[in-house]
């Protein structure tokens, strides 16, 4: 049988690289009418990271800022 040699050891830990800016850019990738619909519902939007389960909430003023940025780029 082949011999196994350990060349290096490392501490392993779970880290998620999600953050508010990343999720904001995901919202910015939505269609304009979808963003407008979210704003019109006048409710905070909850986004949950599928890796770490961290919850992020986006209120209407932030959604409107994301929409304005998207419209100005288009």
C-alpha atoms as a PDB file:
ATOM      1  CA  UNK A   1       0.000   0.000   0.000  1.00  0.00           C
ATOM      2  CA  UNK A   2       0.971   3.636  -0.518  1.00  0.00           C
ATOM      3  CA  UNK A   3       2.360   5.505   2.440  1.00  0.00           C
ATOM      4  CA  UNK A   4       0.590   8.656   3.510  1.00  0.00           C
ATOM      5  CA  UNK A   5       2.664  11.615   4.604  1.00  0.00           C
ATOM      6  CA  UNK A   6       1.168  14.648   6.288  1.00  0.00           C
ATOM      7  CA  UNK A   7       2.862  17.680   4.815  1.00  0.00           C
ATOM      8  CA  UNK A   8       0.990  20.392   6.647  1.00  0.00           C
ATOM      9  CA  UNK A   9      -1.808  20.787   9.171  1.00  0.00           C
ATOM     10  CA  UNK A  10      -4.299  23.635   9.388  1.00  0.00           C
ATOM     11  CA  UNK A  11      -7.113  24.628  11.653  1.00  0.00           C
ATOM     12  CA  UNK A  12     -10.398  24.351   9.789  1.00  0.00           C
ATOM     13  CA  UNK A  13     -13.305  26.641  10.517  1.00  0.00           C
ATOM     14  CA  UNK A  14     -16.490  27.686   8.800  1.00  0.00           C
ATOM     15  CA  UNK A  15     -16.533  31.228   7.458  1.00  0.00           C
ATOM     16  CA  UNK A  16     -19.159  32.816   5.313  1.00  0.00           C
ATOM     17  CA  UNK A  17     -18.245  35.845   3.234  1.00  0.00           C
ATOM     18  CA  UNK A  18     -21.759  37.219   2.984  1.00  0.00           C
ATOM     19  CA  UNK A  19     -22.291  40.865   3.828  1.00  0.00           C
ATOM     20  CA  UNK A  20     -24.857  43.602   3.382  1.00  0.00           C
ATOM     21  CA  UNK A  21     -23.125  45.077   0.314  1.00  0.00           C
ATOM     22  CA  UNK A  22     -23.112  41.730  -1.466  1.00  0.00           C
ATOM     23  CA  UNK A  23     -26.822  41.198  -0.838  1.00  0.00           C
ATOM     24  CA  UNK A  24     -27.546  44.778  -1.848  1.00  0.00           C
ATOM     25  CA  UNK A  25     -25.877  44.099  -5.197  1.00  0.00           C
ATOM     26  CA  UNK A  26     -28.068  41.017  -5.595  1.00  0.00           C
ATOM     27  CA  UNK A  27     -31.128  43.234  -5.135  1.00  0.00           C
ATOM     28  CA  UNK A  28     -29.630  45.605  -7.694  1.00  0.00           C
ATOM     29  CA  UNK A  29     -29.500  42.797 -10.225  1.00  0.00           C
ATOM     30  CA  UNK A  30     -33.283  42.380 -10.133  1.00  0.00           C
ATOM     31  CA  UNK A  31     -35.549  43.815 -12.813  1.00  0.00           C
ATOM     32  CA  UNK A  32     -36.726  47.390 -12.260  1.00  0.00           C
ATOM     33  CA  UNK A  33     -40.375  46.370 -11.977  1.00  0.00           C
ATOM     34  CA  UNK A  34     -39.516  43.752  -9.321  1.00  0.00           C
ATOM     35  CA  UNK A  35     -37.703  46.333  -7.205  1.00  0.00           C
ATOM     36  CA  UNK A  36     -40.584  48.762  -7.627  1.00  0.00           C
ATOM     37  CA  UNK A  37     -43.025  46.068  -6.527  1.00  0.00           C
ATOM     38  CA  UNK A  38     -40.986  45.495  -3.362  1.00  0.00           C
ATOM     39  CA  UNK A  39     -41.011  49.229  -2.642  1.00  0.00           C
ATOM     40  CA  UNK A  40     -44.753  49.459  -3.287  1.00  0.00           C
ATOM     41  CA  UNK A  41     -45.439  46.722  -0.730  1.00  0.00           C
ATOM     42  CA  UNK A  42     -44.079  49.128   1.912  1.00  0.00           C
ATOM     43  CA  UNK A  43     -42.603  46.267   3.940  1.00  0.00           C
ATOM     44  CA  UNK A  44     -38.983  45.535   4.825  1.00  0.00           C
ATOM     45  CA  UNK A  45     -37.376  42.887   2.631  1.00  0.00           C
ATOM     46  CA  UNK A  46     -35.722  40.013   4.461  1.00  0.00           C
ATOM     47  CA  UNK A  47     -32.848  38.187   2.799  1.00  0.00           C
ATOM     48  CA  UNK A  48     -31.283  35.117   4.385  1.00  0.00           C
ATOM     49  CA  UNK A  49     -27.847  33.794   3.464  1.00  0.00           C
ATOM     50  CA  UNK A  50     -28.210  30.153   2.443  1.00  0.00           C
ATOM     51  CA  UNK A  51     -24.783  29.310   3.832  1.00  0.00           C
ATOM     52  CA  UNK A  52     -24.719  30.853   7.317  1.00  0.00           C
ATOM     53  CA  UNK A  53     -28.413  31.753   7.797  1.00  0.00           C
ATOM     54  CA  UNK A  54     -27.597  35.385   8.629  1.00  0.00           C
ATOM     55  CA  UNK A  55     -30.643  37.621   8.100  1.00  0.00           C
ATOM     56  CA  UNK A  56     -30.451  40.988   6.385  1.00  0.00           C
ATOM     57  CA  UNK A  57     -33.306  43.485   6.255  1.00  0.00           C
ATOM     58  CA  UNK A  58     -33.705  46.169   3.617  1.00  0.00           C
ATOM     59  CA  UNK A  59     -36.121  49.020   4.325  1.00  0.00           C
ATOM     60  CA  UNK A  60     -37.882  51.127   1.662  1.00  0.00           C
ATOM     61  CA  UNK A  61     -35.352  54.006   1.630  1.00  0.00           C
ATOM     62  CA  UNK A  62     -32.530  51.592   0.860  1.00  0.00           C
ATOM     63  CA  UNK A  63     -34.602  49.801  -1.780  1.00  0.00           C
ATOM     64  CA  UNK A  64     -35.370  53.171  -3.377  1.00  0.00           C
ATOM     65  CA  UNK A  65     -31.639  54.022  -3.402  1.00  0.00           C
ATOM     66  CA  UNK A  66     -30.876  50.683  -5.105  1.00  0.00           C
ATOM     67  CA  UNK A  67     -33.609  51.338  -7.676  1.00  0.00           C
ATOM     68  CA  UNK A  68     -32.369  54.890  -8.375  1.00  0.00           C
ATOM     69  CA  UNK A  69     -28.819  53.602  -8.899  1.00  0.00           C
ATOM     70  CA  UNK A  70     -30.104  50.939 -11.275  1.00  0.00           C
ATOM     71  CA  UNK A  71     -32.198  53.441 -13.257  1.00  0.00           C
ATOM     72  CA  UNK A  72     -29.310  55.916 -13.533  1.00  0.00           C
ATOM     73  CA  UNK A  73     -27.026  53.186 -14.891  1.00  0.00           C
ATOM     74  CA  UNK A  74     -29.581  51.974 -17.470  1.00  0.00           C
END
